[in-house]
Amino acid sequence: MRIQIRRTGGFAGIERFATVDTAGRPDAAEWRALASAAVEESAPTGPARAGVPDGFAYEITVDGRTVHTAEPRLTTAQRRLVSRVLREGA
């Protein structure tokens, strides 16, 4: 499973991008469950709905399926996935 996160916006407007490929990872099942929950909790949409001023907008792509969301609308699963991919991804 390939998981990509693109974060844009914020006060400085700096874009951040990270990818995790779960193939061969011992924790692949945990990643799959989290990614599936994050994508299923949001319908695929166009550009992120308006968030809060200086907040972040997110593009979450899991195996080619993309959803968009923005602060403060992230679900718990989306927030956990974004945080983990940006921390552990390349």
Protein backbone atom coordinates (compact mmCIF):
# COMPACT_ATOMS: atom_id res chain seq x y z
CA MET A 1 0.00 0.00 0.00
CA ARG A 2 1.32 3.43 -0.94
CA ILE A 3 0.24 6.34 1.26
CA GLN A 4 0.97 9.95 0.31
CA ILE A 5 0.28 13.11 2.28
CA ARG A 6 0.52 16.65 0.92
CA ARG A 7 0.10 19.43 3.47
CA THR A 8 -0.29 23.02 2.29
CA GLY A 9 -1.14 26.33 3.92
CA GLY A 10 -0.32 27.37 7.41
CA PHE A 11 1.07 30.72 8.47
CA ALA A 12 4.22 30.43 6.33
CA GLY A 13 2.52 28.68 3.42
CA ILE A 14 5.18 25.97 3.26
CA GLU A 15 4.18 22.78 1.47
CA ARG A 16 5.18 19.44 2.94
CA PHE A 17 4.98 16.05 1.20
CA ALA A 18 5.74 12.54 2.43
CA THR A 19 5.17 8.98 1.24
CA VAL A 20 5.11 5.63 2.99
CA ASP A 21 5.13 2.30 1.15
CA THR A 22 3.92 -0.41 3.50
CA ALA A 23 5.10 -3.36 1.35
CA GLY A 24 7.33 -5.60 3.41
CA ARG A 25 6.87 -3.66 6.63
CA PRO A 26 6.13 -5.69 9.76
CA ASP A 27 3.46 -3.15 10.73
CA ALA A 28 1.74 -3.15 7.31
CA ALA A 29 -1.60 -4.35 8.74
CA GLU A 30 -1.66 -1.46 11.21
CA TRP A 31 -0.93 1.03 8.39
CA ARG A 32 -3.63 -0.55 6.19
CA ALA A 33 -6.27 -0.27 8.92
CA LEU A 34 -5.41 3.35 9.69
CA ALA A 35 -5.24 4.38 6.01
CA SER A 36 -8.52 2.64 5.19
CA ALA A 37 -10.29 4.36 8.08
CA ALA A 38 -8.89 7.76 7.07
CA VAL A 39 -10.06 7.42 3.46
CA GLU A 40 -13.43 5.87 4.25
CA GLU A 41 -14.32 8.68 6.67
CA SER A 42 -14.22 11.21 3.86
CA ALA A 43 -15.75 11.19 0.39
CA PRO A 44 -13.37 11.98 -2.48
CA THR A 45 -13.60 15.68 -3.24
CA GLY A 46 -11.99 18.43 -5.23
CA PRO A 47 -9.71 20.98 -3.61
CA ALA A 48 -9.94 21.12 0.15
CA ARG A 49 -12.92 22.86 1.62
CA ALA A 50 -12.17 26.13 3.31
CA GLY A 51 -10.55 25.64 6.66
CA VAL A 52 -9.49 28.15 9.24
CA PRO A 53 -7.25 31.13 8.47
CA ASP A 54 -3.58 30.05 8.47
CA GLY A 55 -4.69 26.44 8.92
CA PHE A 56 -3.39 23.48 6.98
CA ALA A 57 -5.11 21.75 4.06
CA TYR A 58 -4.39 18.10 3.35
CA GLU A 59 -4.44 15.82 0.34
CA ILE A 60 -4.45 12.18 1.44
CA THR A 61 -3.82 9.56 -1.26
CA VAL A 62 -3.98 5.85 -0.56
CA ASP A 63 -3.30 3.53 -3.51
CA GLY A 64 -4.53 6.15 -5.98
CA ARG A 65 -7.67 7.18 -4.07
CA THR A 66 -7.46 10.80 -2.96
CA VAL A 67 -9.45 12.74 -0.39
CA HIS A 68 -9.06 16.38 0.61
CA THR A 69 -9.67 17.93 3.99
CA ALA A 70 -8.60 20.94 6.02
CA GLU A 71 -8.21 21.93 9.65
CA PRO A 72 -10.23 21.63 11.79
CA ARG A 73 -12.22 19.03 9.80
CA LEU A 74 -9.76 16.13 10.04
CA THR A 75 -11.19 13.02 11.62
CA THR A 76 -9.22 11.25 14.33
CA ALA A 77 -8.00 8.60 11.86
CA GLN A 78 -6.99 11.26 9.31
CA ARG A 79 -5.10 13.24 11.94
CA ARG A 80 -3.25 10.11 13.13
CA LEU A 81 -2.39 9.05 9.57
CA VAL A 82 -1.18 12.51 8.53
CA SER A 83 0.97 12.83 11.63
CA ARG A 84 2.48 9.38 11.21
CA VAL A 85 3.22 9.69 7.48
CA LEU A 86 4.78 13.14 7.86
CA ARG A 87 6.90 11.83 10.75
CA GLU A 88 7.95 8.45 9.31
CA GLY A 89 7.66 8.95 5.55
CA ALA A 90 10.23 9.97 3.02
